Amino acid sequence: QSRRAVEIETLQAQAEVEPLRALAGQLQELKKNGANALPAYLR
């Protein structure tokens, strides 16, 4: 039961972190398009 609880918590943490990682990847791609890309995205 303890092992399964650890696995569940690990999967939940991965589910919360994954969108942040995807967002960080998108921001890095936007930054490559120019200096004004990120301010336009934030606006």
All heavy atoms as atom14 arrays in JSON, in Angstrom:
{
  "sequence": "QSRRAVEIETLQAQAEVEPLRALAGQLQELKKNGANALPAYLR",
  "atom14_mask": [
    [1, 1, 1, 1, 1, 1, 1, 1, 1, 0, 0, 0, 0, 0],
    [1, 1, 1, 1, 1, 1, 0, 0, 0, 0, 0, 0, 0, 0],
    [1, 1, 1, 1, 1, 1, 1, 1, 1, 1, 1, 0, 0, 0],
    [1, 1, 1, 1, 1, 1, 1, 1, 1, 1, 1, 0, 0, 0],
    [1, 1, 1, 1, 1, 0, 0, 0, 0, 0, 0, 0, 0, 0],
    [1, 1, 1, 1, 1, 1, 1, 0, 0, 0, 0, 0, 0, 0],
    [1, 1, 1, 1, 1, 1, 1, 1, 1, 0, 0, 0, 0, 0],
    [1, 1, 1, 1, 1, 1, 1, 1, 0, 0, 0, 0, 0, 0],
    [1, 1, 1, 1, 1, 1, 1, 1, 1, 0, 0, 0, 0, 0],
    [1, 1, 1, 1, 1, 1, 1, 0, 0, 0, 0, 0, 0, 0],
    [1, 1, 1, 1, 1, 1, 1, 1, 0, 0, 0, 0, 0, 0],
    [1, 1, 1, 1, 1, 1, 1, 1, 1, 0, 0, 0, 0, 0],
    [1, 1, 1, 1, 1, 0, 0, 0, 0, 0, 0, 0, 0, 0],
    [1, 1, 1, 1, 1, 1, 1, 1, 1, 0, 0, 0, 0, 0],
    [1, 1, 1, 1, 1, 0, 0, 0, 0, 0, 0, 0, 0, 0],
    [1, 1, 1, 1, 1, 1, 1, 1, 1, 0, 0, 0, 0, 0],
    [1, 1, 1, 1, 1, 1, 1, 0, 0, 0, 0, 0, 0, 0],
    [1, 1, 1, 1, 1, 1, 1, 1, 1, 0, 0, 0, 0, 0],
    [1, 1, 1, 1, 1, 1, 1, 0, 0, 0, 0, 0, 0, 0],
    [1, 1, 1, 1, 1, 1, 1, 1, 0, 0, 0, 0, 0, 0],
    [1, 1, 1, 1, 1, 1, 1, 1, 1, 1, 1, 0, 0, 0],
    [1, 1, 1, 1, 1, 0, 0, 0, 0, 0, 0, 0, 0, 0],
    [1, 1, 1, 1, 1, 1, 1, 1, 0, 0, 0, 0, 0, 0],
    [1, 1, 1, 1, 1, 0, 0, 0, 0, 0, 0, 0, 0, 0],
    [1, 1, 1, 1, 0, 0, 0, 0, 0, 0, 0, 0, 0, 0],
    [1, 1, 1, 1, 1, 1, 1, 1, 1, 0, 0, 0, 0, 0],
    [1, 1, 1, 1, 1, 1, 1, 1, 0, 0, 0, 0, 0, 0],
    [1, 1, 1, 1, 1, 1, 1, 1, 1, 0, 0, 0, 0, 0],
    [1, 1, 1, 1, 1, 1, 1, 1, 1, 0, 0, 0, 0, 0],
    [1, 1, 1, 1, 1, 1, 1, 1, 0, 0, 0, 0, 0, 0],
    [1, 1, 1, 1, 1, 1, 1, 1, 1, 0, 0, 0, 0, 0],
    [1, 1, 1, 1, 1, 1, 1, 1, 1, 0, 0, 0, 0, 0],
    [1, 1, 1, 1, 1, 1, 1, 1, 0, 0, 0, 0, 0, 0],
    [1, 1, 1, 1, 0, 0, 0, 0, 0, 0, 0, 0, 0, 0],
    [1, 1, 1, 1, 1, 0, 0, 0, 0, 0, 0, 0, 0, 0],
    [1, 1, 1, 1, 1, 1, 1, 1, 0, 0, 0, 0, 0, 0],
    [1, 1, 1, 1, 1, 0, 0, 0, 0, 0, 0, 0, 0, 0],
    [1, 1, 1, 1, 1, 1, 1, 1, 0, 0, 0, 0, 0, 0],
    [1, 1, 1, 1, 1, 1, 1, 0, 0, 0, 0, 0, 0, 0],
    [1, 1, 1, 1, 1, 0, 0, 0, 0, 0, 0, 0, 0, 0],
    [1, 1, 1, 1, 1, 1, 1, 1, 1, 1, 1, 1, 0, 0],
    [1, 1, 1, 1, 1, 1, 1, 1, 0, 0, 0, 0, 0, 0],
    [1, 1, 1, 1, 1, 1, 1, 1, 1, 1, 1, 0, 0, 0]
  ],
  "atom14_positions": [
    [[0.82, -1.21, 0.0], [0.0, 0.0, 0.0], [0.86, 1.26, 0.0], [0.55, 2.24, -0.7], [-0.93, -0.02, 1.22], [-2.0, -1.1, 1.16], [-2.84, -1.15, 2.43], [-2.51, -0.49, 3.41], [-3.9, -1.94, 2.41], [0.0, 0.0, 0.0], [0.0, 0.0, 0.0], [0.0, 0.0, 0.0], [0.0, 0.0, 0.0], [0.0, 0.0, 0.0]],
    [[1.95, 1.26, 0.78], [2.84, 2.42, 0.8], [3.47, 2.65, -0.57], [3.58, 3.79, -1.04], [3.92, 2.22, 1.86], [3.35, 2.05, 3.14], [0.0, 0.0, 0.0], [0.0, 0.0, 0.0], [0.0, 0.0, 0.0], [0.0, 0.0, 0.0], [0.0, 0.0, 0.0], [0.0, 0.0, 0.0], [0.0, 0.0, 0.0], [0.0, 0.0, 0.0]],
    [[3.88, 1.56, -1.21], [4.49, 1.7, -2.53], [3.5, 2.26, -3.54], [3.83, 3.12, -4.37], [5.0, 0.34, -3.0], [5.81, 0.42, -4.29], [6.15, -0.96, -4.83], [6.93, -1.71, -3.87], [6.47, -2.81, -3.25], [5.23, -3.22, -3.48], [7.25, -3.45, -2.42], [0.0, 0.0, 0.0], [0.0, 0.0, 0.0], [0.0, 0.0, 0.0]],
    [[2.27, 1.8, -3.48], [1.25, 2.32, -4.4], [0.94, 3.79, -4.12], [0.71, 4.58, -5.06], [-0.02, 1.48, -4.27], [0.14, 0.06, -4.83], [-1.14, -0.72, -4.72], [-1.0, -2.06, -5.3], [-1.97, -2.98, -5.3], [-3.14, -2.71, -4.73], [-1.75, -4.16, -5.84], [0.0, 0.0, 0.0], [0.0, 0.0, 0.0], [0.0, 0.0, 0.0]],
    [[0.91, 4.17, -2.83], [0.66, 5.57, -2.51], [1.77, 6.47, -3.08], [1.5, 7.56, -3.61], [0.55, 5.75, -1.0], [0.0, 0.0, 0.0], [0.0, 0.0, 0.0], [0.0, 0.0, 0.0], [0.0, 0.0, 0.0], [0.0, 0.0, 0.0], [0.0, 0.0, 0.0], [0.0, 0.0, 0.0], [0.0, 0.0, 0.0], [0.0, 0.0, 0.0]],
    [[3.0, 6.01, -2.96], [4.12, 6.78, -3.52], [3.98, 6.9, -5.03], [4.22, 7.96, -5.63], [5.45, 6.12, -3.14], [6.62, 6.76, -3.88], [5.68, 6.21, -1.63], [0.0, 0.0, 0.0], [0.0, 0.0, 0.0], [0.0, 0.0, 0.0], [0.0, 0.0, 0.0], [0.0, 0.0, 0.0], [0.0, 0.0, 0.0], [0.0, 0.0, 0.0]],
    [[3.58, 5.82, -5.69], [3.41, 5.86, -7.15], [2.31, 6.84, -7.55], [2.44, 7.6, -8.53], [3.08, 4.46, -7.66], [4.24, 3.48, -7.53], [3.85, 2.08, -7.98], [2.66, 1.89, -8.31], [4.73, 1.2, -8.01], [0.0, 0.0, 0.0], [0.0, 0.0, 0.0], [0.0, 0.0, 0.0], [0.0, 0.0, 0.0], [0.0, 0.0, 0.0]],
    [[1.2, 6.85, -6.77], [0.09, 7.77, -7.09], [0.52, 9.22, -6.94], [0.25, 10.07, -7.79], [-1.13, 7.45, -6.2], [-1.7, 6.07, -6.57], [-2.2, 8.53, -6.33], [-2.8, 5.6, -5.64], [0.0, 0.0, 0.0], [0.0, 0.0, 0.0], [0.0, 0.0, 0.0], [0.0, 0.0, 0.0], [0.0, 0.0, 0.0], [0.0, 0.0, 0.0]],
    [[1.22, 9.52, -5.83], [1.68, 10.89, -5.62], [2.68, 11.31, -6.71], [2.68, 12.45, -7.17], [2.32, 11.02, -4.24], [1.35, 10.84, -3.08], [0.29, 11.93, -3.05], [0.56, 13.05, -3.55], [-0.82, 11.69, -2.54], [0.0, 0.0, 0.0], [0.0, 0.0, 0.0], [0.0, 0.0, 0.0], [0.0, 0.0, 0.0], [0.0, 0.0, 0.0]],
    [[3.5, 10.38, -7.1], [4.48, 10.69, -8.15], [3.79, 11.02, -9.47], [4.14, 11.97, -10.18], [5.44, 9.51, -8.34], [6.1, 9.24, -7.09], [6.48, 9.82, -9.41], [0.0, 0.0, 0.0], [0.0, 0.0, 0.0], [0.0, 0.0, 0.0], [0.0, 0.0, 0.0], [0.0, 0.0, 0.0], [0.0, 0.0, 0.0], [0.0, 0.0, 0.0]],
    [[2.76, 10.24, -9.81], [2.02, 10.49, -11.04], [1.29, 11.82, -11.0], [1.22, 12.55, -12.0], [1.04, 9.34, -11.3], [1.68, 7.97, -11.62], [0.61, 6.9, -11.73], [2.49, 8.06, -12.91], [0.0, 0.0, 0.0], [0.0, 0.0, 0.0], [0.0, 0.0, 0.0], [0.0, 0.0, 0.0], [0.0, 0.0, 0.0], [0.0, 0.0, 0.0]],
    [[0.72, 12.15, -9.83], [0.02, 13.43, -9.7], [0.99, 14.61, -9.86], [0.68, 15.61, -10.52], [-0.68, 13.51, -8.35], [-1.89, 12.57, -8.24], [-2.54, 12.66, -6.89], [-2.02, 13.3, -5.96], [-3.7, 12.02, -6.76], [0.0, 0.0, 0.0], [0.0, 0.0, 0.0], [0.0, 0.0, 0.0], [0.0, 0.0, 0.0], [0.0, 0.0, 0.0]],
    [[2.17, 14.49, -9.25], [3.17, 15.56, -9.39], [3.61, 15.71, -10.84], [3.78, 16.83, -11.36], [4.37, 15.27, -8.49], [0.0, 0.0, 0.0], [0.0, 0.0, 0.0], [0.0, 0.0, 0.0], [0.0, 0.0, 0.0], [0.0, 0.0, 0.0], [0.0, 0.0, 0.0], [0.0, 0.0, 0.0], [0.0, 0.0, 0.0], [0.0, 0.0, 0.0]],
    [[3.78, 14.56, -11.53], [4.15, 14.63, -12.94], [3.05, 15.28, -13.78], [3.33, 16.02, -14.72], [4.45, 13.22, -13.45], [5.72, 12.61, -12.86], [5.93, 11.19, -13.34], [5.07, 10.61, -13.99], [7.1, 10.64, -13.0], [0.0, 0.0, 0.0], [0.0, 0.0, 0.0], [0.0, 0.0, 0.0], [0.0, 0.0, 0.0], [0.0, 0.0, 0.0]],
    [[1.79, 15.02, -13.42], [0.67, 15.61, -14.16], [0.64, 17.13, -13.98], [0.25, 17.87, -14.9], [-0.64, 15.0, -13.69], [0.0, 0.0, 0.0], [0.0, 0.0, 0.0], [0.0, 0.0, 0.0], [0.0, 0.0, 0.0], [0.0, 0.0, 0.0], [0.0, 0.0, 0.0], [0.0, 0.0, 0.0], [0.0, 0.0, 0.0], [0.0, 0.0, 0.0]],
    [[1.03, 17.64, -12.81], [1.04, 19.08, -12.58], [2.26, 19.75, -13.23], [2.19, 20.9, -13.68], [1.05, 19.35, -11.07], [-0.24, 18.91, -10.37], [-0.17, 19.15, -8.88], [0.89, 19.6, -8.4], [-1.17, 18.86, -8.18], [0.0, 0.0, 0.0], [0.0, 0.0, 0.0], [0.0, 0.0, 0.0], [0.0, 0.0, 0.0], [0.0, 0.0, 0.0]],
    [[3.35, 19.04, -13.29], [4.57, 19.63, -13.84], [4.56, 19.62, -15.36], [5.13, 20.52, -16.01], [5.81, 18.87, -13.3], [7.08, 19.29, -14.02], [5.95, 19.11, -11.8], [0.0, 0.0, 0.0], [0.0, 0.0, 0.0], [0.0, 0.0, 0.0], [0.0, 0.0, 0.0], [0.0, 0.0, 0.0], [0.0, 0.0, 0.0], [0.0, 0.0, 0.0]],
    [[3.91, 18.66, -15.95], [3.95, 18.51, -17.41], [3.44, 19.75, -18.15], [4.07, 20.21, -19.13], [3.18, 17.27, -17.82], [3.39, 16.85, -19.25], [4.83, 16.49, -19.54], [5.53, 16.03, -18.61], [5.25, 16.66, -20.7], [0.0, 0.0, 0.0], [0.0, 0.0, 0.0], [0.0, 0.0, 0.0], [0.0, 0.0, 0.0], [0.0, 0.0, 0.0]],
    [[2.29, 20.35, -17.76], [1.85, 21.58, -18.46], [2.86, 22.71, -18.35], [3.05, 23.49, -19.3], [0.52, 21.93, -17.77], [0.04, 20.63, -17.2], [1.26, 19.9, -16.79], [0.0, 0.0, 0.0], [0.0, 0.0, 0.0], [0.0, 0.0, 0.0], [0.0, 0.0, 0.0], [0.0, 0.0, 0.0], [0.0, 0.0, 0.0], [0.0, 0.0, 0.0]],
    [[3.51, 22.84, -17.18], [4.5, 23.89, -17.01], [5.68, 23.67, -17.95], [6.23, 24.62, -18.53], [4.97, 23.94, -15.56], [3.88, 24.28, -14.52], [4.47, 24.25, -13.11], [3.27, 25.64, -14.81], [0.0, 0.0, 0.0], [0.0, 0.0, 0.0], [0.0, 0.0, 0.0], [0.0, 0.0, 0.0], [0.0, 0.0, 0.0], [0.0, 0.0, 0.0]],
    [[6.07, 22.41, -18.1], [7.17, 22.11, -19.01], [6.78, 22.42, -20.46], [7.57, 22.94, -21.24], [7.56, 20.64, -18.89], [8.26, 20.29, -17.56], [8.61, 18.83, -17.52], [9.35, 18.51, -16.29], [9.73, 17.28, -15.96], [9.44, 16.26, -16.77], [10.4, 17.08, -14.85], [0.0, 0.0, 0.0], [0.0, 0.0, 0.0], [0.0, 0.0, 0.0]],
    [[5.55, 22.1, -20.8], [5.09, 22.4, -22.16], [5.05, 23.91, -22.41], [5.43, 24.4, -23.49], [3.7, 21.79, -22.37], [0.0, 0.0, 0.0], [0.0, 0.0, 0.0], [0.0, 0.0, 0.0], [0.0, 0.0, 0.0], [0.0, 0.0, 0.0], [0.0, 0.0, 0.0], [0.0, 0.0, 0.0], [0.0, 0.0, 0.0], [0.0, 0.0, 0.0]],
    [[4.58, 24.69, -21.39], [4.55, 26.14, -21.52], [5.96, 26.72, -21.67], [6.2, 27.63, -22.47], [3.86, 26.74, -20.3], [3.75, 28.27, -20.26], [2.96, 28.78, -21.49], [3.08, 28.72, -18.97], [0.0, 0.0, 0.0], [0.0, 0.0, 0.0], [0.0, 0.0, 0.0], [0.0, 0.0, 0.0], [0.0, 0.0, 0.0], [0.0, 0.0, 0.0]],
    [[6.9, 26.16, -20.88], [8.28, 26.63, -20.97], [8.84, 26.37, -22.36], [9.56, 27.2, -22.93], [9.13, 25.95, -19.91], [0.0, 0.0, 0.0], [0.0, 0.0, 0.0], [0.0, 0.0, 0.0], [0.0, 0.0, 0.0], [0.0, 0.0, 0.0], [0.0, 0.0, 0.0], [0.0, 0.0, 0.0], [0.0, 0.0, 0.0], [0.0, 0.0, 0.0]],
    [[8.5, 25.23, -22.94], [8.97, 24.93, -24.29], [8.4, 25.89, -25.32], [9.1, 26.34, -26.24], [0.0, 0.0, 0.0], [0.0, 0.0, 0.0], [0.0, 0.0, 0.0], [0.0, 0.0, 0.0], [0.0, 0.0, 0.0], [0.0, 0.0, 0.0], [0.0, 0.0, 0.0], [0.0, 0.0, 0.0], [0.0, 0.0, 0.0], [0.0, 0.0, 0.0]],
    [[7.11, 26.23, -25.16], [6.5, 27.19, -26.09], [7.14, 28.57, -25.97], [7.37, 29.25, -26.99], [5.0, 27.27, -25.81], [4.24, 25.99, -26.14], [2.77, 26.09, -25.8], [2.31, 27.13, -25.28], [2.02, 25.03, -26.07], [0.0, 0.0, 0.0], [0.0, 0.0, 0.0], [0.0, 0.0, 0.0], [0.0, 0.0, 0.0], [0.0, 0.0, 0.0]],
    [[7.42, 29.01, -24.75], [8.05, 30.32, -24.56], [9.43, 30.37, -25.19], [9.84, 31.39, -25.75], [8.11, 30.66, -23.08], [6.76, 30.86, -22.38], [6.95, 31.12, -20.89], [5.98, 32.02, -23.02], [0.0, 0.0, 0.0], [0.0, 0.0, 0.0], [0.0, 0.0, 0.0], [0.0, 0.0, 0.0], [0.0, 0.0, 0.0], [0.0, 0.0, 0.0]],
    [[10.16, 29.25, -25.07], [11.47, 29.22, -25.69], [11.37, 29.32, -27.21], [12.19, 29.99, -27.86], [12.2, 27.94, -25.3], [12.64, 27.9, -23.83], [13.33, 26.61, -23.47], [13.38, 25.68, -24.28], [13.84, 26.54, -22.24], [0.0, 0.0, 0.0], [0.0, 0.0, 0.0], [0.0, 0.0, 0.0], [0.0, 0.0, 0.0], [0.0, 0.0, 0.0]],
    [[10.37, 28.7, -27.8], [10.18, 28.79, -29.24], [9.81, 30.22, -29.67], [10.26, 30.73, -30.7], [9.09, 27.81, -29.69], [9.49, 26.34, -29.55], [10.62, 25.98, -30.49], [10.71, 26.6, -31.58], [11.43, 25.09, -30.15], [0.0, 0.0, 0.0], [0.0, 0.0, 0.0], [0.0, 0.0, 0.0], [0.0, 0.0, 0.0], [0.0, 0.0, 0.0]],
    [[8.95, 30.87, -28.83], [8.58, 32.26, -29.13], [9.78, 33.19, -29.05], [9.93, 34.13, -29.84], [7.48, 32.73, -28.18], [6.1, 32.1, -28.38], [5.15, 32.56, -27.27], [5.52, 32.48, -29.75], [0.0, 0.0, 0.0], [0.0, 0.0, 0.0], [0.0, 0.0, 0.0], [0.0, 0.0, 0.0], [0.0, 0.0, 0.0], [0.0, 0.0, 0.0]],
    [[10.63, 32.95, -28.09], [11.79, 33.81, -27.9], [12.72, 33.75, -29.1], [13.42, 34.71, -29.43], [12.54, 33.38, -26.64], [13.69, 34.31, -26.27], [14.31, 33.87, -24.96], [15.45, 34.81, -24.59], [16.08, 34.4, -23.3], [0.0, 0.0, 0.0], [0.0, 0.0, 0.0], [0.0, 0.0, 0.0], [0.0, 0.0, 0.0], [0.0, 0.0, 0.0]],
    [[12.73, 32.59, -29.78], [13.58, 32.47, -30.96], [13.08, 33.31, -32.13], [13.83, 33.57, -33.07], [13.66, 31.01, -31.38], [14.35, 30.11, -30.37], [14.35, 28.66, -30.83], [15.0, 27.74, -29.8], [14.98, 26.34, -30.25], [0.0, 0.0, 0.0], [0.0, 0.0, 0.0], [0.0, 0.0, 0.0], [0.0, 0.0, 0.0], [0.0, 0.0, 0.0]],
    [[11.82, 33.73, -32.12], [11.23, 34.48, -33.25], [11.55, 35.98, -33.2], [11.15, 36.73, -34.09], [9.72, 34.28, -33.3], [9.37, 32.84, -33.62], [10.11, 32.15, -34.31], [8.24, 32.37, -33.09], [0.0, 0.0, 0.0], [0.0, 0.0, 0.0], [0.0, 0.0, 0.0], [0.0, 0.0, 0.0], [0.0, 0.0, 0.0], [0.0, 0.0, 0.0]],
    [[12.15, 36.41, -32.12], [12.5, 37.83, -32.06], [12.34, 38.39, -30.66], [11.71, 37.78, -29.8], [0.0, 0.0, 0.0], [0.0, 0.0, 0.0], [0.0, 0.0, 0.0], [0.0, 0.0, 0.0], [0.0, 0.0, 0.0], [0.0, 0.0, 0.0], [0.0, 0.0, 0.0], [0.0, 0.0, 0.0], [0.0, 0.0, 0.0], [0.0, 0.0, 0.0]],
    [[12.87, 39.6, -30.45], [12.83, 40.22, -29.11], [11.43, 40.66, -28.75], [11.08, 40.74, -27.57], [13.8, 41.38, -29.05], [0.0, 0.0, 0.0], [0.0, 0.0, 0.0], [0.0, 0.0, 0.0], [0.0, 0.0, 0.0], [0.0, 0.0, 0.0], [0.0, 0.0, 0.0], [0.0, 0.0, 0.0], [0.0, 0.0, 0.0], [0.0, 0.0, 0.0]],
    [[10.58, 41.02, -29.75], [9.22, 41.49, -29.46], [8.19, 40.37, -29.36], [7.01, 40.64, -29.15], [8.8, 42.48, -30.55], [9.69, 43.7, -30.6], [10.17, 44.16, -29.54], [9.93, 44.25, -31.79], [0.0, 0.0, 0.0], [0.0, 0.0, 0.0], [0.0, 0.0, 0.0], [0.0, 0.0, 0.0], [0.0, 0.0, 0.0], [0.0, 0.0, 0.0]],
    [[8.6, 39.15, -29.55], [7.63, 38.03, -29.55], [7.07, 37.81, -28.16], [5.85, 37.67, -27.98], [8.29, 36.77, -30.1], [0.0, 0.0, 0.0], [0.0, 0.0, 0.0], [0.0, 0.0, 0.0], [0.0, 0.0, 0.0], [0.0, 0.0, 0.0], [0.0, 0.0, 0.0], [0.0, 0.0, 0.0], [0.0, 0.0, 0.0], [0.0, 0.0, 0.0]],
    [[7.94, 37.8, -27.16], [7.46, 37.52, -25.8], [6.58, 38.64, -25.27], [5.51, 38.37, -24.69], [8.66, 37.29, -24.87], [9.38, 35.93, -25.02], [10.56, 35.86, -24.06], [8.41, 34.79, -24.75], [0.0, 0.0, 0.0], [0.0, 0.0, 0.0], [0.0, 0.0, 0.0], [0.0, 0.0, 0.0], [0.0, 0.0, 0.0], [0.0, 0.0, 0.0]],
    [[6.93, 39.92, -25.4], [6.02, 40.98, -24.95], [4.67, 40.92, -25.65], [3.63, 41.16, -25.02], [6.78, 42.27, -25.28], [8.21, 41.86, -25.25], [8.25, 40.48, -25.8], [0.0, 0.0, 0.0], [0.0, 0.0, 0.0], [0.0, 0.0, 0.0], [0.0, 0.0, 0.0], [0.0, 0.0, 0.0], [0.0, 0.0, 0.0], [0.0, 0.0, 0.0]],
    [[4.64, 40.59, -26.93], [3.36, 40.48, -27.64], [2.53, 39.32, -27.1], [1.31, 39.42, -26.93], [3.62, 40.3, -29.14], [0.0, 0.0, 0.0], [0.0, 0.0, 0.0], [0.0, 0.0, 0.0], [0.0, 0.0, 0.0], [0.0, 0.0, 0.0], [0.0, 0.0, 0.0], [0.0, 0.0, 0.0], [0.0, 0.0, 0.0], [0.0, 0.0, 0.0]],
    [[3.2, 38.24, -26.78], [2.5, 37.06, -26.22], [1.91, 37.41, -24.86], [0.75, 37.08, -24.56], [3.47, 35.89, -26.11], [2.88, 34.69, -25.4], [2.0, 33.82, -26.05], [3.2, 34.43, -24.07], [1.45, 32.76, -25.39], [2.64, 33.36, -23.39], [1.77, 32.51, -24.06], [1.23, 31.43, -23.39], [0.0, 0.0, 0.0], [0.0, 0.0, 0.0]],
    [[2.71, 38.11, -24.01], [2.22, 38.49, -22.68], [1.05, 39.47, -22.8], [0.09, 39.41, -22.01], [3.36, 39.13, -21.87], [4.5, 38.18, -21.49], [5.62, 38.95, -20.77], [3.97, 37.07, -20.58], [0.0, 0.0, 0.0], [0.0, 0.0, 0.0], [0.0, 0.0, 0.0], [0.0, 0.0, 0.0], [0.0, 0.0, 0.0], [0.0, 0.0, 0.0]],
    [[1.09, 40.38, -23.79], [-0.03, 41.32, -23.96], [-1.29, 40.58, -24.34], [-2.37, 40.89, -23.82], [0.35, 42.34, -25.05], [-0.71, 43.41, -25.29], [-0.34, 44.23, -26.48], [-0.26, 43.37, -27.67], [0.2, 43.79, -28.85], [0.67, 45.03, -28.99], [0.23, 42.97, -29.88], [0.0, 0.0, 0.0], [0.0, 0.0, 0.0], [0.0, 0.0, 0.0]]
  ]
}
